[in-house]
């Protein structure tokens, strides 16, 4: 029986930036409250929900910055 590894529920900033094909500094600028990408902080880590990243991509398809 094969065991599937579940998708990560949250990803760190380097992974999130790579998922969006942007640099981590740009991700920081797009992260709320400066921008519109939601994130959470656990300890000292800023983490992102991949579903939020996908929603942010969908919202950007209209060509509006921010």
C-alpha atoms as a PDB file:
ATOM      1  CA  UNK A   1       0.000   0.000   0.000  1.00  0.00           C
ATOM      2  CA  UNK A   2       1.411   3.390  -1.016  1.00  0.00           C
ATOM      3  CA  UNK A   3       1.254   6.269   1.391  1.00  0.00           C
ATOM      4  CA  UNK A   4       0.719   9.717  -0.064  1.00  0.00           C
ATOM      5  CA  UNK A   5       2.352  12.657   1.644  1.00  0.00           C
ATOM      6  CA  UNK A   6      -0.212  15.385   2.279  1.00  0.00           C
ATOM      7  CA  UNK A   7       0.382  18.836   0.847  1.00  0.00           C
ATOM      8  CA  UNK A   8       1.894  21.207   3.351  1.00  0.00           C
ATOM      9  CA  UNK A   9      -0.712  23.333   5.063  1.00  0.00           C
ATOM     10  CA  UNK A  10       1.699  26.274   5.393  1.00  0.00           C
ATOM     11  CA  UNK A  11       4.934  27.207   3.651  1.00  0.00           C
ATOM     12  CA  UNK A  12       7.770  29.536   4.640  1.00  0.00           C
ATOM     13  CA  UNK A  13       8.656  32.738   2.844  1.00  0.00           C
ATOM     14  CA  UNK A  14      11.369  31.239   0.584  1.00  0.00           C
ATOM     15  CA  UNK A  15       8.973  28.556  -0.676  1.00  0.00           C
ATOM     16  CA  UNK A  16       6.091  31.011  -1.039  1.00  0.00           C
ATOM     17  CA  UNK A  17       8.283  33.386  -3.045  1.00  0.00           C
ATOM     18  CA  UNK A  18       9.417  30.525  -5.268  1.00  0.00           C
ATOM     19  CA  UNK A  19       5.797  29.458  -5.793  1.00  0.00           C
ATOM     20  CA  UNK A  20       5.016  32.977  -7.017  1.00  0.00           C
ATOM     21  CA  UNK A  21       8.253  33.273  -9.023  1.00  0.00           C
ATOM     22  CA  UNK A  22       9.219  36.429  -7.169  1.00  0.00           C
ATOM     23  CA  UNK A  23      12.073  37.305  -4.822  1.00  0.00           C
ATOM     24  CA  UNK A  24      11.526  37.128  -1.052  1.00  0.00           C
ATOM     25  CA  UNK A  25      11.792  40.933  -0.773  1.00  0.00           C
ATOM     26  CA  UNK A  26       8.918  41.343  -3.235  1.00  0.00           C
ATOM     27  CA  UNK A  27       6.909  38.794  -1.261  1.00  0.00           C
ATOM     28  CA  UNK A  28       7.533  40.838   1.893  1.00  0.00           C
ATOM     29  CA  UNK A  29       6.241  43.957   0.119  1.00  0.00           C
ATOM     30  CA  UNK A  30       3.111  42.103  -1.054  1.00  0.00           C
ATOM     31  CA  UNK A  31       2.448  40.651   2.417  1.00  0.00           C
ATOM     32  CA  UNK A  32      -0.232  42.304   4.575  1.00  0.00           C
ATOM     33  CA  UNK A  33      -0.325  44.921   6.008  1.00  0.00           C
ATOM     34  CA  UNK A  34       1.912  46.400   3.245  1.00  0.00           C
ATOM     35  CA  UNK A  35       0.163  44.404   0.545  1.00  0.00           C
ATOM     36  CA  UNK A  36      -2.707  41.975   0.161  1.00  0.00           C
ATOM     37  CA  UNK A  37      -1.183  38.515   0.710  1.00  0.00           C
ATOM     38  CA  UNK A  38      -2.266  37.153   4.097  1.00  0.00           C
ATOM     39  CA  UNK A  39       0.213  35.357   6.333  1.00  0.00           C
ATOM     40  CA  UNK A  40       0.497  34.093   9.866  1.00  0.00           C
ATOM     41  CA  UNK A  41       3.336  34.196  12.339  1.00  0.00           C
ATOM     42  CA  UNK A  42       4.237  31.148  14.391  1.00  0.00           C
ATOM     43  CA  UNK A  43       7.114  31.881  16.700  1.00  0.00           C
ATOM     44  CA  UNK A  44       9.509  33.920  14.602  1.00  0.00           C
ATOM     45  CA  UNK A  45       8.450  32.445  11.248  1.00  0.00           C
ATOM     46  CA  UNK A  46       6.157  34.130   8.750  1.00  0.00           C
ATOM     47  CA  UNK A  47       4.103  31.420   7.038  1.00  0.00           C
ATOM     48  CA  UNK A  48       1.773  31.400   4.051  1.00  0.00           C
ATOM     49  CA  UNK A  49      -1.193  29.227   3.140  1.00  0.00           C
ATOM     50  CA  UNK A  50      -0.746  27.971  -0.453  1.00  0.00           C
ATOM     51  CA  UNK A  51      -4.491  28.477  -1.016  1.00  0.00           C
ATOM     52  CA  UNK A  52      -4.059  32.184  -0.208  1.00  0.00           C
ATOM     53  CA  UNK A  53      -1.199  32.382  -2.694  1.00  0.00           C
ATOM     54  CA  UNK A  54      -3.393  30.827  -5.398  1.00  0.00           C
ATOM     55  CA  UNK A  55      -6.238  33.237  -4.578  1.00  0.00           C
ATOM     56  CA  UNK A  56      -3.806  36.155  -4.785  1.00  0.00           C
ATOM     57  CA  UNK A  57      -2.683  34.978  -8.228  1.00  0.00           C
ATOM     58  CA  UNK A  58      -6.314  34.741  -9.375  1.00  0.00           C
ATOM     59  CA  UNK A  59      -7.041  38.253  -8.095  1.00  0.00           C
ATOM     60  CA  UNK A  60      -4.042  39.612 -10.050  1.00  0.00           C
ATOM     61  CA  UNK A  61      -5.160  38.233 -13.407  1.00  0.00           C
ATOM     62  CA  UNK A  62      -7.090  41.439 -14.021  1.00  0.00           C
ATOM     63  CA  UNK A  63      -3.771  43.317 -14.244  1.00  0.00           C
ATOM     64  CA  UNK A  64      -4.094  45.403 -11.078  1.00  0.00           C
ATOM     65  CA  UNK A  65      -0.953  45.857  -8.951  1.00  0.00           C
ATOM     66  CA  UNK A  66      -0.977  45.414  -5.182  1.00  0.00           C
END
